[in-house]
Amino acid sequence: MPVGPLNRVRLTPRQARRLRVLAASALMVLAAVLLAARLASRSSVLVVGVYGLLLILCGLVIELSRRGRTRLGSYLLGAGLLASFVMDFAVLS
């Protein structure tokens, strides 16, 4: 079947769950690396709070994906990522 703008290949629910778990896991690793880099440059409770909440959110998204709530997990992951980057640049900088 040709793949084009009108003929989309859809993921199975299992593939979608795996994709969300992988994305949240990769984001968790990235958040941990950023947290370590931020703590190396300065020690602040606010830094730990922002990145700690992002790590908790990633864990929540992984659990939601395991339970089949991939769409909700995707929305939470996007909103949490956006909020953490806004907090990082607006408040922590």
Protein backbone atom coordinates (compact mmCIF):
# COMPACT_ATOMS: atom_id res chain seq x y z
CA MET A 1 0.00 0.00 0.00
CA PRO A 2 1.51 3.37 -0.99
CA VAL A 3 2.20 5.86 1.75
CA GLY A 4 1.22 9.42 1.02
CA PRO A 5 -0.61 12.35 2.57
CA LEU A 6 -3.97 10.61 2.23
CA ASN A 7 -2.83 7.01 2.85
CA ARG A 8 -1.30 7.04 6.31
CA VAL A 9 0.09 3.97 7.95
CA ARG A 10 -1.45 3.77 11.42
CA LEU A 11 0.32 2.33 14.41
CA THR A 12 -1.23 -0.53 16.27
CA PRO A 13 -2.10 0.22 19.91
CA ARG A 14 0.84 -1.90 21.04
CA GLN A 15 3.25 -0.01 18.78
CA ALA A 16 1.86 3.32 20.01
CA ARG A 17 2.37 2.26 23.64
CA ARG A 18 5.95 1.20 22.93
CA LEU A 19 6.65 4.47 21.13
CA ARG A 20 5.32 6.53 24.07
CA VAL A 21 7.31 4.47 26.57
CA LEU A 22 10.49 4.94 24.52
CA ALA A 23 9.87 8.68 24.13
CA ALA A 24 9.20 9.14 27.85
CA SER A 25 12.25 7.03 28.75
CA ALA A 26 14.49 9.06 26.45
CA LEU A 27 13.10 12.26 27.94
CA MET A 28 13.76 10.89 31.42
CA VAL A 29 17.40 10.29 30.56
CA LEU A 30 17.67 13.77 29.02
CA ALA A 31 16.09 15.37 32.10
CA ALA A 32 18.51 13.50 34.38
CA VAL A 33 21.49 14.69 32.33
CA LEU A 34 20.20 18.28 32.34
CA LEU A 35 19.57 18.08 36.08
CA ALA A 36 23.13 16.91 36.68
CA ALA A 37 24.51 19.68 34.47
CA ARG A 38 22.40 22.33 36.20
CA LEU A 39 23.38 21.10 39.65
CA ALA A 40 27.05 21.12 38.66
CA SER A 41 26.82 24.79 37.70
CA ARG A 42 24.71 25.85 40.69
CA SER A 43 22.87 24.19 43.49
CA SER A 44 19.27 25.31 43.79
CA VAL A 45 16.13 23.75 45.17
CA LEU A 46 14.20 25.26 42.27
CA VAL A 47 16.38 23.39 39.74
CA VAL A 48 15.78 20.11 41.55
CA GLY A 49 12.07 20.89 41.73
CA VAL A 50 11.62 21.63 38.02
CA TYR A 51 13.59 18.65 36.78
CA GLY A 52 12.26 16.41 39.54
CA LEU A 53 8.71 17.16 38.44
CA LEU A 54 9.68 16.41 34.85
CA LEU A 55 11.12 13.05 35.90
CA ILE A 56 7.95 12.24 37.83
CA LEU A 57 5.86 13.24 34.82
CA CYS A 58 7.90 10.94 32.56
CA GLY A 59 7.29 8.06 34.94
CA LEU A 60 3.57 8.86 34.94
CA VAL A 61 3.51 8.88 31.13
CA ILE A 62 5.24 5.50 31.05
CA GLU A 63 2.65 4.07 33.43
CA LEU A 64 -0.24 5.59 31.47
CA SER A 65 1.18 4.11 28.27
CA ARG A 66 1.47 0.70 29.86
CA ARG A 67 -2.21 0.91 30.82
CA GLY A 68 -3.28 1.86 27.30
CA ARG A 69 -3.86 5.59 27.81
CA THR A 70 -1.38 6.63 25.13
CA ARG A 71 -3.19 9.72 23.91
CA LEU A 72 -3.50 11.16 27.41
CA GLY A 73 0.15 10.28 28.03
CA SER A 74 1.18 12.08 24.85
CA TYR A 75 -0.69 15.23 25.83
CA LEU A 76 0.82 15.18 29.32
CA LEU A 77 4.30 14.57 27.97
CA GLY A 78 4.03 17.49 25.53
CA ALA A 79 2.56 19.85 28.12
CA GLY A 80 5.10 18.85 30.75
CA LEU A 81 8.01 19.22 28.38
CA LEU A 82 6.83 22.66 27.31
CA ALA A 83 6.27 23.75 30.91
CA SER A 84 9.68 22.53 32.02
CA PHE A 85 11.47 24.34 29.19
CA VAL A 86 9.55 27.55 29.95
CA MET A 87 10.46 27.21 33.62
CA ASP A 88 14.07 26.48 32.74
CA PHE A 89 14.51 29.54 30.53
CA ALA A 90 12.19 31.99 32.28
CA VAL A 91 12.78 31.24 35.95
CA LEU A 92 16.09 29.44 36.25
CA SER A 93 18.12 31.58 33.83
